[in-house]
Structure formats: C-alpha cells, structure tokens
N, C-alpha and C. Protein backbone atom coordinates (compact mmCIF):
# COMPACT_ATOMS: atom_id res chain seq x y z
N MET A 1 -11.13 -6.07 -0.92
CA MET A 1 -10.46 -4.79 -1.20
C MET A 1 -11.46 -3.57 -1.44
N HIS A 2 -12.55 -3.81 -2.15
CA HIS A 2 -13.61 -3.01 -2.49
C HIS A 2 -14.14 -2.34 -1.17
N ASP A 3 -14.37 -3.23 -0.22
CA ASP A 3 -14.99 -2.66 1.00
C ASP A 3 -14.10 -1.76 1.78
N LYS A 4 -12.80 -2.13 1.78
CA LYS A 4 -11.67 -1.37 2.33
C LYS A 4 -11.65 0.02 1.58
N LEU A 5 -11.55 -0.01 0.36
CA LEU A 5 -11.46 1.32 -0.38
C LEU A 5 -12.77 2.23 -0.18
N LYS A 6 -13.93 1.54 -0.02
CA LYS A 6 -15.23 2.28 0.19
C LYS A 6 -15.07 2.99 1.49
N CYS A 7 -14.47 2.15 2.50
CA CYS A 7 -14.34 2.77 4.00
C CYS A 7 -13.40 4.03 3.90
N ILE A 8 -12.43 3.89 3.11
CA ILE A 8 -11.38 4.99 3.00
C ILE A 8 -12.09 6.17 2.30
N GLU A 9 -12.84 5.89 1.36
CA GLU A 9 -13.60 6.93 0.71
C GLU A 9 -14.53 7.59 1.69
N ILE A 10 -15.33 6.91 2.40
CA ILE A 10 -16.25 7.41 3.32
C ILE A 10 -15.54 8.28 4.47
N ASP A 11 -14.31 7.64 5.04
CA ASP A 11 -13.51 8.54 5.91
C ASP A 11 -13.04 9.75 5.32
N MET A 12 -12.62 9.86 4.13
CA MET A 12 -12.14 11.08 3.42
C MET A 12 -13.47 12.04 3.39
N GLN A 13 -14.50 11.54 3.04
CA GLN A 13 -15.69 12.45 2.90
C GLN A 13 -16.09 13.09 4.20
N GLU A 14 -15.89 12.34 5.23
CA GLU A 14 -16.31 12.76 6.65
C GLU A 14 -15.27 13.55 7.21
N ALA A 15 -13.99 13.70 6.75
CA ALA A 15 -12.93 14.49 7.27
C ALA A 15 -13.21 15.95 6.96
N PRO A 16 -12.67 16.75 7.82
CA PRO A 16 -12.78 18.25 7.57
C PRO A 16 -12.35 18.62 6.26
N ALA A 17 -12.91 19.66 5.74
CA ALA A 17 -12.57 20.20 4.31
C ALA A 17 -11.05 20.39 4.27
N HIS A 18 -10.61 20.06 3.09
CA HIS A 18 -9.15 20.30 2.69
C HIS A 18 -8.24 19.50 3.42
N THR A 19 -8.69 18.40 3.94
CA THR A 19 -7.84 17.44 4.65
C THR A 19 -7.14 16.60 3.58
N TYR A 20 -7.75 16.34 2.53
CA TYR A 20 -7.06 15.50 1.49
C TYR A 20 -6.95 16.35 0.13
N THR A 21 -5.87 15.97 -0.56
CA THR A 21 -5.63 16.81 -1.78
C THR A 21 -6.48 16.13 -2.93
N ASP A 22 -6.63 16.94 -4.02
CA ASP A 22 -7.33 16.35 -5.17
C ASP A 22 -6.69 14.99 -5.76
N GLU A 23 -5.31 15.01 -5.55
CA GLU A 23 -4.65 13.83 -6.01
C GLU A 23 -4.99 12.58 -5.25
N GLN A 24 -5.09 12.77 -3.89
CA GLN A 24 -5.44 11.60 -3.09
C GLN A 24 -6.93 11.18 -3.41
N TRP A 25 -7.81 12.14 -3.65
CA TRP A 25 -9.15 11.73 -3.98
C TRP A 25 -9.17 11.06 -5.38
N ASP A 26 -8.36 11.47 -6.23
CA ASP A 26 -8.25 10.77 -7.68
C ASP A 26 -7.79 9.46 -7.45
N GLU A 27 -6.74 9.29 -6.64
CA GLU A 27 -6.09 7.90 -6.46
C GLU A 27 -7.14 6.92 -5.94
N VAL A 28 -7.95 7.39 -4.81
CA VAL A 28 -8.98 6.47 -4.30
C VAL A 28 -10.06 6.05 -5.34
N GLN A 29 -10.43 7.19 -6.01
CA GLN A 29 -11.57 6.85 -6.93
C GLN A 29 -11.06 6.07 -8.10
N GLU A 30 -9.79 6.11 -8.58
CA GLU A 30 -9.12 5.22 -9.50
C GLU A 30 -9.17 3.79 -9.09
N ARG A 31 -8.67 3.60 -7.75
CA ARG A 31 -8.60 2.21 -7.22
C ARG A 31 -10.01 1.54 -7.21
N ILE A 32 -10.97 2.41 -6.69
CA ILE A 32 -12.28 1.84 -6.59
C ILE A 32 -12.74 1.44 -7.95
N SER A 33 -12.76 2.29 -8.98
CA SER A 33 -13.06 1.97 -10.32
C SER A 33 -12.34 0.66 -10.81
N GLU A 34 -10.92 0.51 -10.51
CA GLU A 34 -10.35 -0.59 -11.09
C GLU A 34 -10.88 -1.82 -10.46
N VAL A 35 -11.07 -1.84 -9.09
CA VAL A 35 -11.49 -3.06 -8.40
C VAL A 35 -12.89 -3.36 -8.87
N GLU A 36 -13.83 -2.29 -9.07
CA GLU A 36 -15.19 -2.66 -9.46
C GLU A 36 -15.09 -3.36 -10.97
N GLU A 37 -14.17 -2.82 -11.83
CA GLU A 37 -14.04 -3.26 -13.17
C GLU A 37 -13.61 -4.76 -13.07
N LEU A 38 -12.63 -4.98 -12.27
CA LEU A 38 -12.11 -6.43 -12.05
C LEU A 38 -13.23 -7.40 -11.49
N MET A 39 -13.97 -6.72 -10.55
CA MET A 39 -15.05 -7.61 -10.03
C MET A 39 -16.17 -7.86 -11.08
N GLU A 40 -16.34 -6.99 -12.08
CA GLU A 40 -17.31 -7.30 -13.09
C GLU A 40 -16.75 -8.41 -14.07
N LYS A 41 -15.40 -8.38 -14.24
CA LYS A 41 -14.82 -9.36 -15.10
C LYS A 41 -14.82 -10.70 -14.46
N ALA A 42 -14.45 -10.79 -13.22
CA ALA A 42 -14.35 -11.96 -12.41
C ALA A 42 -15.58 -12.06 -11.52
N TYR A 43 -16.66 -12.29 -11.92
CA TYR A 43 -17.93 -12.16 -11.29
C TYR A 43 -18.15 -13.21 -10.16
N CYS A 44 -17.39 -14.37 -10.42
CA CYS A 44 -17.61 -15.43 -9.46
C CYS A 44 -16.18 -16.25 -9.50
N VAL A 45 -16.08 -17.01 -8.38
CA VAL A 45 -14.76 -17.85 -8.34
C VAL A 45 -14.97 -18.92 -9.57
N GLY A 46 -13.71 -18.96 -10.30
CA GLY A 46 -13.58 -19.75 -11.33
C GLY A 46 -14.02 -19.19 -12.69
N ALA A 47 -14.45 -17.72 -12.62
CA ALA A 47 -14.78 -17.17 -13.86
C ALA A 47 -13.48 -17.09 -14.78
N LEU A 48 -13.79 -17.30 -16.01
CA LEU A 48 -12.62 -17.24 -17.12
C LEU A 48 -12.29 -15.80 -17.35
N VAL A 49 -10.96 -15.48 -17.02
CA VAL A 49 -10.47 -14.02 -17.28
C VAL A 49 -9.05 -14.29 -18.03
N ASP A 50 -8.67 -13.22 -18.63
CA ASP A 50 -7.46 -13.20 -19.30
C ASP A 50 -6.29 -13.12 -18.24
N TRP A 51 -5.07 -13.53 -18.70
CA TRP A 51 -3.90 -13.45 -17.79
C TRP A 51 -3.59 -12.13 -17.00
N PRO A 52 -3.65 -11.11 -17.80
CA PRO A 52 -3.39 -9.87 -17.18
C PRO A 52 -4.39 -9.36 -16.06
N THR A 53 -5.59 -9.88 -16.24
CA THR A 53 -6.80 -9.47 -15.36
C THR A 53 -6.56 -10.39 -14.06
N LEU A 54 -6.10 -11.69 -14.30
CA LEU A 54 -5.86 -12.65 -13.20
C LEU A 54 -4.67 -12.15 -12.34
N LYS A 55 -3.70 -11.69 -13.08
CA LYS A 55 -2.50 -11.27 -12.44
C LYS A 55 -2.76 -10.05 -11.59
N ARG A 56 -3.60 -9.19 -12.04
CA ARG A 56 -3.94 -7.82 -11.22
C ARG A 56 -4.76 -8.34 -10.05
N ILE A 57 -5.72 -9.17 -10.22
CA ILE A 57 -6.63 -9.63 -9.13
C ILE A 57 -5.76 -10.19 -8.07
N ARG A 58 -4.77 -11.01 -8.46
CA ARG A 58 -3.85 -11.62 -7.48
C ARG A 58 -3.03 -10.61 -6.77
N GLU A 59 -2.48 -9.55 -7.45
CA GLU A 59 -1.63 -8.58 -6.74
C GLU A 59 -2.63 -7.75 -5.69
N ILE A 60 -3.81 -7.60 -6.16
CA ILE A 60 -4.75 -6.69 -5.16
C ILE A 60 -4.99 -7.69 -3.97
N LYS A 61 -5.26 -9.04 -4.30
CA LYS A 61 -5.49 -9.87 -3.11
C LYS A 61 -4.26 -9.97 -2.12
N GLU A 62 -3.07 -10.06 -2.74
CA GLU A 62 -1.84 -10.13 -1.86
C GLU A 62 -1.71 -8.77 -1.04
N GLU A 63 -2.02 -7.63 -1.77
CA GLU A 63 -1.98 -6.34 -1.08
C GLU A 63 -2.92 -6.34 0.06
N ARG A 64 -4.03 -6.84 0.02
CA ARG A 64 -5.05 -6.74 1.05
C ARG A 64 -4.71 -7.80 2.14
N GLN A 65 -4.15 -8.98 1.87
CA GLN A 65 -3.65 -9.84 2.81
C GLN A 65 -2.53 -9.37 3.66
N LEU A 66 -1.68 -8.53 3.02
CA LEU A 66 -0.52 -7.85 3.71
C LEU A 66 -1.15 -6.82 4.62
N MET A 67 -2.20 -6.05 4.29
CA MET A 67 -2.78 -5.17 5.18
C MET A 67 -3.44 -5.75 6.38
N ARG A 68 -4.05 -6.95 6.11
CA ARG A 68 -4.61 -7.76 7.34
C ARG A 68 -3.62 -8.26 8.28
N TYR A 69 -2.51 -8.78 7.56
CA TYR A 69 -1.33 -9.19 8.33
C TYR A 69 -0.73 -8.12 9.24
N ASN A 70 -0.54 -6.97 8.61
CA ASN A 70 -0.05 -5.80 9.48
C ASN A 70 -0.87 -5.33 10.48
N ALA A 71 -2.22 -5.47 10.22
CA ALA A 71 -3.17 -5.08 11.34
C ALA A 71 -3.19 -5.94 12.48
N CYS A 72 -3.11 -7.32 12.19
CA CYS A 72 -3.06 -8.30 13.19
C CYS A 72 -1.78 -8.08 14.05
N MET A 73 -0.70 -7.90 13.34
CA MET A 73 0.56 -7.60 14.07
C MET A 73 0.51 -6.43 14.97
N GLU A 74 -0.15 -5.38 14.50
CA GLU A 74 -0.22 -4.11 15.27
C GLU A 74 -1.12 -4.36 16.53
N GLN A 75 -2.03 -5.31 16.45
CA GLN A 75 -2.93 -5.64 17.61
C GLN A 75 -2.27 -6.60 18.61
N GLY A 76 -1.02 -6.97 18.12
CA GLY A 76 -0.38 -7.90 19.20
C GLY A 76 -0.44 -9.37 18.88
N ALA A 77 -0.90 -9.82 17.74
CA ALA A 77 -0.95 -11.17 17.44
C ALA A 77 0.49 -11.70 17.08
N SER A 78 0.76 -13.05 17.34
CA SER A 78 1.94 -13.59 17.02
C SER A 78 1.99 -13.61 15.35
N GLU A 79 3.17 -13.82 14.92
CA GLU A 79 3.46 -13.84 13.46
C GLU A 79 2.70 -15.05 12.90
N LYS A 80 2.71 -16.16 13.53
CA LYS A 80 1.89 -17.33 13.16
C LYS A 80 0.38 -17.02 12.96
N ASP A 81 -0.07 -16.44 14.10
CA ASP A 81 -1.55 -16.16 14.10
C ASP A 81 -1.90 -15.16 13.09
N ALA A 82 -1.11 -14.12 12.90
CA ALA A 82 -1.32 -13.09 11.93
C ALA A 82 -1.23 -13.64 10.49
N ALA A 83 -0.39 -14.58 10.19
CA ALA A 83 -0.24 -15.13 8.88
C ALA A 83 -1.44 -16.00 8.53
N THR A 84 -2.03 -16.73 9.53
CA THR A 84 -3.04 -17.65 9.35
C THR A 84 -4.48 -17.02 9.49
N ALA A 85 -4.49 -15.84 10.08
CA ALA A 85 -5.80 -15.21 10.42
C ALA A 85 -6.72 -15.07 9.21
N PHE A 86 -6.24 -14.94 8.00
CA PHE A 86 -7.10 -14.59 6.79
C PHE A 86 -6.87 -15.62 5.64
N GLU A 87 -6.23 -16.77 5.96
CA GLU A 87 -6.25 -17.84 4.99
C GLU A 87 -7.48 -18.51 4.72
N LEU A 88 -7.81 -18.89 3.52
CA LEU A 88 -9.02 -19.59 3.26
C LEU A 88 -8.83 -21.07 3.37
C-alpha cells in the first residue's frame, strides 16, 4: 500500500497546479504517514504488535487486495483469476 500511496503522491505532484484540493493532499499525506508508522511497528512478518495495530494492518491489506482485484477485473480477467492473482 505504501508504494501505491507514493505513486498517487507523485501523480498529484506532477499534475497541473490546482488539480487537487488541500484536503486531498492532506488525506494522501495522512495515509502515507499512517502506513509508514504501521510499517515501523510491524517491521517484519511475525513482529509482535498490539491488536488495534494488527487490525488496522489487516484492513489496509484487504483494501489493497480489493484494489488489485478491481484492477484485474477491469483488465478483463475472470473472477477466479482476479481473486487468485495476488494471493500468497
């Protein structure tokens, strides 16, 4: 998700002036900060974190998987292929 957010940030920076509102900039910056903070807490697979942190990490992971699923579907993949394209 961090990479995706950084790509969004770069796209926003390269867009013509006044394309995005201050609120949109703030939202992207807040999301990047949140993900970076979670990455510090869960620095590796199996790192011990508290339940609220683990819950938020799982929510972000599910959100990113849904984005990938939707991208696969938009590119014409079958539901089955789209669902299994990003499973570990």
